[in-house]
Amino acid sequence: IAEDLRGRGLGSRLLRRLTAAASGTYDRISLISVGGTQGFWSNHGFRPEPGVAPPTGYGENAAYMYCPLPGRTSGGPAARD
């Protein structure tokens, strides 16, 4: 979310839509947290993946994170990312 639009709940709303669309098909959502947003992602159920370091181009405080999704049905993609 653009910096001037933050704090309005847009990121949370977009994440709820993404999670709803991915649930039942994928095992998890994975991302690289940048720009000091790890707290936001942690508050939404994401956690760091131990042993996975993002490429250096993402910056010093970047973190690879994931969030398990409920309700995956058989036959869907076996998603890691």
PDB file of N, CA and C in Angstrom:
ATOM      1  N   ILE A   1       0.865  -1.174   0.000  1.00  0.00           N
ATOM      2  CA  ILE A   1       0.000   0.000   0.000  1.00  0.00           C
ATOM      3  C   ILE A   1       0.907   1.232   0.000  1.00  0.00           C
ATOM      4  N   ALA A   2       0.597   2.169  -0.857  1.00  0.00           N
ATOM      5  CA  ALA A   2       1.384   3.402  -0.925  1.00  0.00           C
ATOM      6  C   ALA A   2       1.400   4.075   0.450  1.00  0.00           C
ATOM      7  N   GLU A   3       2.540   4.642   0.786  1.00  0.00           N
ATOM      8  CA  GLU A   3       2.725   5.220   2.120  1.00  0.00           C
ATOM      9  C   GLU A   3       1.626   6.218   2.488  1.00  0.00           C
ATOM     10  N   ASP A   4       1.188   7.044   1.557  1.00  0.00           N
ATOM     11  CA  ASP A   4       0.168   8.051   1.865  1.00  0.00           C
ATOM     12  C   ASP A   4      -1.226   7.447   2.060  1.00  0.00           C
ATOM     13  N   LEU A   5      -1.397   6.172   1.746  1.00  0.00           N
ATOM     14  CA  LEU A   5      -2.692   5.507   1.922  1.00  0.00           C
ATOM     15  C   LEU A   5      -2.706   4.519   3.083  1.00  0.00           C
ATOM     16  N   ARG A   6      -1.587   4.376   3.775  1.00  0.00           N
ATOM     17  CA  ARG A   6      -1.500   3.439   4.895  1.00  0.00           C
ATOM     18  C   ARG A   6      -2.318   3.921   6.080  1.00  0.00           C
ATOM     19  N   GLY A   7      -2.680   2.970   6.937  1.00  0.00           N
ATOM     20  CA  GLY A   7      -3.425   3.297   8.151  1.00  0.00           C
ATOM     21  C   GLY A   7      -4.923   3.364   7.944  1.00  0.00           C
ATOM     22  N   ARG A   8      -5.398   2.941   6.798  1.00  0.00           N
ATOM     23  CA  ARG A   8      -6.830   2.990   6.490  1.00  0.00           C
ATOM     24  C   ARG A   8      -7.464   1.600   6.436  1.00  0.00           C
ATOM     25  N   GLY A   9      -6.674   0.579   6.732  1.00  0.00           N
ATOM     26  CA  GLY A   9      -7.191  -0.783   6.698  1.00  0.00           C
ATOM     27  C   GLY A   9      -7.206  -1.422   5.327  1.00  0.00           C
ATOM     28  N   LEU A  10      -6.642  -0.752   4.337  1.00  0.00           N
ATOM     29  CA  LEU A  10      -6.651  -1.297   2.975  1.00  0.00           C
ATOM     30  C   LEU A  10      -5.836  -2.581   2.868  1.00  0.00           C
ATOM     31  N   GLY A  11      -4.664  -2.619   3.500  1.00  0.00           N
ATOM     32  CA  GLY A  11      -3.824  -3.807   3.449  1.00  0.00           C
ATOM     33  C   GLY A  11      -4.523  -5.010   4.061  1.00  0.00           C
ATOM     34  N   SER A  12      -5.186  -4.798   5.185  1.00  0.00           N
ATOM     35  CA  SER A  12      -5.914  -5.893   5.836  1.00  0.00           C
ATOM     36  C   SER A  12      -7.061  -6.379   4.968  1.00  0.00           C
ATOM     37  N   ARG A  13      -7.766  -5.462   4.340  1.00  0.00           N
ATOM     38  CA  ARG A  13      -8.874  -5.856   3.456  1.00  0.00           C
ATOM     39  C   ARG A  13      -8.368  -6.641   2.248  1.00  0.00           C
ATOM     40  N   LEU A  14      -7.290  -6.183   1.642  1.00  0.00           N
ATOM     41  CA  LEU A  14      -6.721  -6.896   0.503  1.00  0.00           C
ATOM     42  C   LEU A  14      -6.230  -8.291   0.906  1.00  0.00           C
ATOM     43  N   LEU A  15      -5.620  -8.382   2.073  1.00  0.00           N
ATOM     44  CA  LEU A  15      -5.130  -9.670   2.550  1.00  0.00           C
ATOM     45  C   LEU A  15      -6.284 -10.635   2.819  1.00  0.00           C
ATOM     46  N   ARG A  16      -7.387 -10.150   3.367  1.00  0.00           N
ATOM     47  CA  ARG A  16      -8.565 -11.012   3.576  1.00  0.00           C
ATOM     48  C   ARG A  16      -9.087 -11.553   2.249  1.00  0.00           C
ATOM     49  N   ARG A  17      -9.116 -10.717   1.222  1.00  0.00           N
ATOM     50  CA  ARG A  17      -9.570 -11.171  -0.102  1.00  0.00           C
ATOM     51  C   ARG A  17      -8.620 -12.202  -0.689  1.00  0.00           C
ATOM     52  N   LEU A  18      -7.332 -11.960  -0.582  1.00  0.00           N
ATOM     53  CA  LEU A  18      -6.338 -12.900  -1.074  1.00  0.00           C
ATOM     54  C   LEU A  18      -6.455 -14.239  -0.347  1.00  0.00           C
ATOM     55  N   THR A  19      -6.572 -14.186   0.974  1.00  0.00           N
ATOM     56  CA  THR A  19      -6.679 -15.401   1.773  1.00  0.00           C
ATOM     57  C   THR A  19      -7.935 -16.183   1.403  1.00  0.00           C
ATOM     58  N   ALA A  20      -9.043 -15.504   1.232  1.00  0.00           N
ATOM     59  CA  ALA A  20     -10.289 -16.168   0.849  1.00  0.00           C
ATOM     60  C   ALA A  20     -10.156 -16.831  -0.522  1.00  0.00           C
ATOM     61  N   ALA A  21      -9.504 -16.158  -1.451  1.00  0.00           N
ATOM     62  CA  ALA A  21      -9.340 -16.711  -2.792  1.00  0.00           C
ATOM     63  C   ALA A  21      -8.396 -17.914  -2.796  1.00  0.00           C
ATOM     64  N   ALA A  22      -7.380 -17.897  -1.942  1.00  0.00           N
ATOM     65  CA  ALA A  22      -6.371 -18.958  -1.923  1.00  0.00           C
ATOM     66  C   ALA A  22      -6.775 -20.150  -1.059  1.00  0.00           C
ATOM     67  N   SER A  23      -7.603 -19.934  -0.051  1.00  0.00           N
ATOM     68  CA  SER A  23      -7.999 -21.013   0.859  1.00  0.00           C
ATOM     69  C   SER A  23      -8.736 -22.100   0.102  1.00  0.00           C
ATOM     70  N   GLY A  24      -8.466 -23.336   0.475  1.00  0.00           N
ATOM     71  CA  GLY A  24      -9.097 -24.462  -0.177  1.00  0.00           C
ATOM     72  C   GLY A  24      -8.342 -24.933  -1.402  1.00  0.00           C
ATOM     73  N   THR A  25      -7.410 -24.128  -1.890  1.00  0.00           N
ATOM     74  CA  THR A  25      -6.624 -24.492  -3.063  1.00  0.00           C
ATOM     75  C   THR A  25      -5.145 -24.593  -2.720  1.00  0.00           C
ATOM     76  N   TYR A  26      -4.655 -23.662  -1.930  1.00  0.00           N
ATOM     77  CA  TYR A  26      -3.239 -23.599  -1.595  1.00  0.00           C
ATOM     78  C   TYR A  26      -3.023 -23.898  -0.119  1.00  0.00           C
ATOM     79  N   ASP A  27      -1.815 -24.376   0.198  1.00  0.00           N
ATOM     80  CA  ASP A  27      -1.451 -24.690   1.577  1.00  0.00           C
ATOM     81  C   ASP A  27      -1.102 -23.447   2.383  1.00  0.00           C
ATOM     82  N   ARG A  28      -0.526 -22.456   1.697  1.00  0.00           N
ATOM     83  CA  ARG A  28      -0.011 -21.294   2.410  1.00  0.00           C
ATOM     84  C   ARG A  28       0.224 -20.135   1.459  1.00  0.00           C
ATOM     85  N   ILE A  29       0.400 -18.969   2.064  1.00  0.00           N
ATOM     86  CA  ILE A  29       0.822 -17.770   1.335  1.00  0.00           C
ATOM     87  C   ILE A  29       2.218 -17.444   1.842  1.00  0.00           C
ATOM     88  N   SER A  30       3.127 -17.183   0.933  1.00  0.00           N
ATOM     89  CA  SER A  30       4.498 -16.818   1.293  1.00  0.00           C
ATOM     90  C   SER A  30       4.827 -15.455   0.702  1.00  0.00           C
ATOM     91  N   LEU A  31       5.704 -14.723   1.393  1.00  0.00           N
ATOM     92  CA  LEU A  31       6.082 -13.392   0.922  1.00  0.00           C
ATOM     93  C   LEU A  31       7.413 -12.997   1.516  1.00  0.00           C
ATOM     94  N   ILE A  32       7.949 -11.914   1.019  1.00  0.00           N
ATOM     95  CA  ILE A  32       9.127 -11.312   1.626  1.00  0.00           C
ATOM     96  C   ILE A  32       8.703  -9.956   2.170  1.00  0.00           C
ATOM     97  N   SER A  33       8.805  -9.846   3.477  1.00  0.00           N
ATOM     98  CA  SER A  33       8.458  -8.607   4.173  1.00  0.00           C
ATOM     99  C   SER A  33       9.601  -7.613   4.004  1.00  0.00           C
ATOM    100  N   VAL A  34       9.278  -6.399   3.587  1.00  0.00           N
ATOM    101  CA  VAL A  34      10.290  -5.355   3.398  1.00  0.00           C
ATOM    102  C   VAL A  34       9.810  -4.056   4.044  1.00  0.00           C
ATOM    103  N   GLY A  35      10.722  -3.126   4.178  1.00  0.00           N
ATOM    104  CA  GLY A  35      10.364  -1.787   4.627  1.00  0.00           C
ATOM    105  C   GLY A  35       9.768  -1.711   6.017  1.00  0.00           C
ATOM    106  N   GLY A  36      10.188  -2.597   6.918  1.00  0.00           N
ATOM    107  CA  GLY A  36       9.698  -2.545   8.288  1.00  0.00           C
ATOM    108  C   GLY A  36       8.272  -3.037   8.474  1.00  0.00           C
ATOM    109  N   THR A  37       7.789  -3.883   7.576  1.00  0.00           N
ATOM    110  CA  THR A  37       6.395  -4.349   7.650  1.00  0.00           C
ATOM    111  C   THR A  37       6.220  -5.708   8.315  1.00  0.00           C
ATOM    112  N   GLN A  38       7.291  -6.263   8.892  1.00  0.00           N
ATOM    113  CA  GLN A  38       7.185  -7.578   9.502  1.00  0.00           C
ATOM    114  C   GLN A  38       6.131  -7.621  10.604  1.00  0.00           C
ATOM    115  N   GLY A  39       5.978  -6.556  11.351  1.00  0.00           N
ATOM    116  CA  GLY A  39       4.944  -6.498  12.398  1.00  0.00           C
ATOM    117  C   GLY A  39       3.547  -6.612  11.822  1.00  0.00           C
ATOM    118  N   PHE A  40       3.294  -5.925  10.718  1.00  0.00           N
ATOM    119  CA  PHE A  40       1.986  -6.012  10.052  1.00  0.00           C
ATOM    120  C   PHE A  40       1.685  -7.455   9.687  1.00  0.00           C
ATOM    121  N   TRP A  41       2.668  -8.105   9.023  1.00  0.00           N
ATOM    122  CA  TRP A  41       2.454  -9.480   8.578  1.00  0.00           C
ATOM    123  C   TRP A  41       2.311 -10.429   9.763  1.00  0.00           C
ATOM    124  N   SER A  42       3.101 -10.226  10.811  1.00  0.00           N
ATOM    125  CA  SER A  42       2.983 -11.065  12.012  1.00  0.00           C
ATOM    126  C   SER A  42       1.606 -10.929  12.638  1.00  0.00           C
ATOM    127  N   ASN A  43       1.086  -9.728  12.657  1.00  0.00           N
ATOM    128  CA  ASN A  43      -0.262  -9.501  13.216  1.00  0.00           C
ATOM    129  C   ASN A  43      -1.355 -10.180  12.400  1.00  0.00           C
ATOM    130  N   HIS A  44      -1.040 -10.567  11.173  1.00  0.00           N
ATOM    131  CA  HIS A  44      -2.010 -11.236  10.305  1.00  0.00           C
ATOM    132  C   HIS A  44      -1.704 -12.723  10.133  1.00  0.00           C
ATOM    133  N   GLY A  45      -0.935 -13.279  11.057  1.00  0.00           N
ATOM    134  CA  GLY A  45      -0.706 -14.716  11.065  1.00  0.00           C
ATOM    135  C   GLY A  45       0.511 -15.206  10.318  1.00  0.00           C
ATOM    136  N   PHE A  46       1.302 -14.311   9.752  1.00  0.00           N
ATOM    137  CA  PHE A  46       2.513 -14.713   9.053  1.00  0.00           C
ATOM    138  C   PHE A  46       3.635 -14.900  10.062  1.00  0.00           C
ATOM    139  N   ARG A  47       4.524 -15.831   9.753  1.00  0.00           N
ATOM    140  CA  ARG A  47       5.677 -16.056  10.624  1.00  0.00           C
ATOM    141  C   ARG A  47       6.908 -16.284   9.765  1.00  0.00           C
ATOM    142  N   PRO A  48       8.074 -15.935  10.319  1.00  0.00           N
ATOM    143  CA  PRO A  48       9.311 -16.137   9.569  1.00  0.00           C
ATOM    144  C   PRO A  48       9.542 -17.622   9.293  1.00  0.00           C
ATOM    145  N   GLU A  49      10.100 -17.915   8.146  1.00  0.00           N
ATOM    146  CA  GLU A  49      10.465 -19.286   7.783  1.00  0.00           C
ATOM    147  C   GLU A  49      11.909 -19.500   8.221  1.00  0.00           C
ATOM    148  N   PRO A  50      12.123 -20.346   9.221  1.00  0.00           N
ATOM    149  CA  PRO A  50      13.503 -20.568   9.688  1.00  0.00           C
ATOM    150  C   PRO A  50      14.396 -21.100   8.562  1.00  0.00           C
ATOM    151  N   GLY A  51      15.572 -20.552   8.475  1.00  0.00           N
ATOM    152  CA  GLY A  51      16.548 -21.038   7.514  1.00  0.00           C
ATOM    153  C   GLY A  51      16.387 -20.529   6.094  1.00  0.00           C
ATOM    154  N   VAL A  52      15.392 -19.681   5.840  1.00  0.00           N
ATOM    155  CA  VAL A  52      15.218 -19.138   4.492  1.00  0.00           C
ATOM    156  C   VAL A  52      15.522 -17.643   4.541  1.00  0.00           C
ATOM    157  N   ALA A  53      16.598 -17.262   3.884  1.00  0.00           N
ATOM    158  CA  ALA A  53      16.982 -15.859   3.832  1.00  0.00           C
ATOM    159  C   ALA A  53      16.602 -15.285   2.472  1.00  0.00           C
ATOM    160  N   PRO A  54      15.956 -14.125   2.460  1.00  0.00           N
ATOM    161  CA  PRO A  54      15.633 -13.507   1.169  1.00  0.00           C
ATOM    162  C   PRO A  54      16.906 -13.035   0.475  1.00  0.00           C
ATOM    163  N   PRO A  55      16.863 -12.895  -0.830  1.00  0.00           N
ATOM    164  CA  PRO A  55      18.027 -12.363  -1.548  1.00  0.00           C
ATOM    165  C   PRO A  55      18.427 -10.989  -0.993  1.00  0.00           C
ATOM    166  N   THR A  56      19.710 -10.687  -1.057  1.00  0.00           N
ATOM    167  CA  THR A  56      20.217  -9.442  -0.470  1.00  0.00           C
ATOM    168  C   THR A  56      19.597  -8.191  -1.083  1.00  0.00           C
ATOM    169  N   GLY A  57      19.101  -8.251  -2.287  1.00  0.00           N
ATOM    170  CA  GLY A  57      18.512  -7.090  -2.941  1.00  0.00           C
ATOM    171  C   GLY A  57      17.265  -6.553  -2.259  1.00  0.00           C
ATOM    172  N   TYR A  58      16.674  -7.306  -1.342  1.00  0.00           N
ATOM    173  CA  TYR A  58      15.473  -6.859  -0.644  1.00  0.00           C
ATOM    174  C   TYR A  58      15.783  -5.938   0.527  1.00  0.00           C
ATOM    175  N   GLY A  59      17.029  -5.839   0.930  1.00  0.00           N
ATOM    176  CA  GLY A  59      17.409  -4.947   2.020  1.00  0.00           C
ATOM    177  C   GLY A  59      17.712  -5.700   3.303  1.00  0.00           C
ATOM    178  N   GLU A  60      18.272  -4.959   4.256  1.00  0.00           N
ATOM    179  CA  GLU A  60      18.723  -5.528   5.529  1.00  0.00           C
ATOM    180  C   GLU A  60      17.622  -6.169   6.359  1.00  0.00           C
ATOM    181  N   ASN A  61      16.487  -5.542   6.460  1.00  0.00           N
ATOM    182  CA  ASN A  61      15.436  -6.013   7.358  1.00  0.00           C
ATOM    183  C   ASN A  61      14.396  -6.883   6.677  1.00  0.00           C
ATOM    184  N   ALA A  62      14.681  -7.356   5.486  1.00  0.00           N
ATOM    185  CA  ALA A  62      13.735  -8.209   4.771  1.00  0.00           C
ATOM    186  C   ALA A  62      13.650  -9.567   5.453  1.00  0.00           C
ATOM    187  N   ALA A  63      12.474 -10.162   5.412  1.00  0.00           N
ATOM    188  CA  ALA A  63      12.266 -11.477   6.020  1.00  0.00           C
ATOM    189  C   ALA A  63      11.316 -12.294   5.156  1.00  0.00           C
ATOM    190  N   TYR A  64      11.686 -13.537   4.883  1.00  0.00           N
ATOM    191  CA  TYR A  64      10.791 -14.466   4.195  1.00  0.00           C
ATOM    192  C   TYR A  64       9.789 -14.953   5.226  1.00  0.00           C
ATOM    193  N   MET A  65       8.500 -14.808   4.928  1.00  0.00           N
ATOM    194  CA  MET A  65       7.448 -15.168   5.877  1.00  0.00           C
ATOM    195  C   MET A  65       6.375 -15.985   5.171  1.00  0.00           C
ATOM    196  N   TYR A  66       5.627 -16.737   5.957  1.00  0.00           N
ATOM    197  CA  TYR A  66       4.527 -17.525   5.395  1.00  0.00           C
ATOM    198  C   TYR A  66       3.370 -17.579   6.375  1.00  0.00           C
ATOM    199  N   CYS A  67       2.213 -17.911   5.840  1.00  0.00           N
ATOM    200  CA  CYS A  67       1.010 -18.079   6.647  1.00  0.00           C
ATOM    201  C   CYS A  67       0.267 -19.311   6.135  1.00  0.00           C
ATOM    202  N   PRO A  68       0.060 -20.325   6.991  1.00  0.00           N
ATOM    203  CA  PRO A  68      -0.710 -21.484   6.560  1.00  0.00           C
ATOM    204  C   PRO A  68      -2.151 -21.087   6.270  1.00  0.00           C
ATOM    205  N   LEU A  69      -2.763 -21.752   5.316  1.00  0.00           N
ATOM    206  CA  LEU A  69      -4.151 -21.474   4.963  1.00  0.00           C
ATOM    207  C   LEU A  69      -5.034 -22.654   5.350  1.00  0.00           C
ATOM    208  N   PRO A  70      -6.231 -22.371   5.814  1.00  0.00           N
ATOM    209  CA  PRO A  70      -7.148 -23.449   6.175  1.00  0.00           C
ATOM    210  C   PRO A  70      -7.863 -24.017   4.951  1.00  0.00           C
ATOM    211  N   GLY A  71      -8.299 -25.245   5.066  1.00  0.00           N
ATOM    212  CA  GLY A  71      -9.261 -25.795   4.125  1.00  0.00           C
ATOM    213  C   GLY A  71      -8.771 -26.183   2.765  1.00  0.00           C
ATOM    214  N   ARG A  72      -7.520 -26.577   2.625  1.00  0.00           N
ATOM    215  CA  ARG A  72      -7.061 -27.015   1.300  1.00  0.00           C
ATOM    216  C   ARG A  72      -7.744 -28.320   0.944  1.00  0.00           C
ATOM    217  N   THR A  73      -8.284 -28.386  -0.248  1.00  0.00           N
ATOM    218  CA  THR A  73      -8.915 -29.604  -0.732  1.00  0.00           C
ATOM    219  C   THR A  73      -7.902 -30.405  -1.525  1.00  0.00           C
ATOM    220  N   SER A  74      -8.099 -31.706  -1.602  1.00  0.00           N
ATOM    221  CA  SER A  74      -7.171 -32.522  -2.360  1.00  0.00           C
ATOM    222  C   SER A  74      -7.281 -32.194  -3.844  1.00  0.00           C
ATOM    223  N   GLY A  75      -6.205 -32.376  -4.544  1.00  0.00           N
ATOM    224  CA  GLY A  75      -6.184 -32.136  -5.979  1.00  0.00           C
ATOM    225  C   GLY A  75      -5.706 -30.762  -6.382  1.00  0.00           C
ATOM    226  N   GLY A  76      -5.587 -29.828  -5.440  1.00  0.00           N
ATOM    227  CA  GLY A  76      -5.105 -28.486  -5.771  1.00  0.00           C
ATOM    228  C   GLY A  76      -3.598 -28.456  -5.815  1.00  0.00           C
ATOM    229  N   PRO A  77      -3.044 -27.325  -6.210  1.00  0.00           N
ATOM    230  CA  PRO A  77      -1.590 -27.210  -6.275  1.00  0.00           C
ATOM    231  C   PRO A  77      -0.968 -27.391  -4.899  1.00  0.00           C
ATOM    232  N   ALA A  78       0.139 -28.051  -4.836  1.00  0.00           N
ATOM    233  CA  ALA A  78       0.896 -28.182  -3.602  1.00  0.00           C
ATOM    234  C   ALA A  78       1.797 -26.968  -3.495  1.00  0.00           C
ATOM    235  N   ALA A  79       1.248 -25.869  -3.055  1.00  0.00           N
ATOM    236  CA  ALA A  79       1.952 -24.583  -3.091  1.00  0.00           C
ATOM    237  C   ALA A  79       2.868 -24.391  -1.893  1.00  0.00           C
ATOM    238  N   ARG A  80       4.058 -23.917  -2.168  1.00  0.00           N
ATOM    239  CA  ARG A  80       4.935 -23.436  -1.126  1.00  0.00           C
ATOM    240  C   ARG A  80       5.003 -21.929  -1.200  1.00  0.00           C
ATOM    241  N   ASP A  81       4.824 -21.362  -2.360  1.00  0.00           N
ATOM    242  CA  ASP A  81       4.882 -19.898  -2.539  1.00  0.00           C
ATOM    243  C   ASP A  81       3.687 -19.448  -3.319  1.00  0.00           C
TER     244      ASP A  81
END
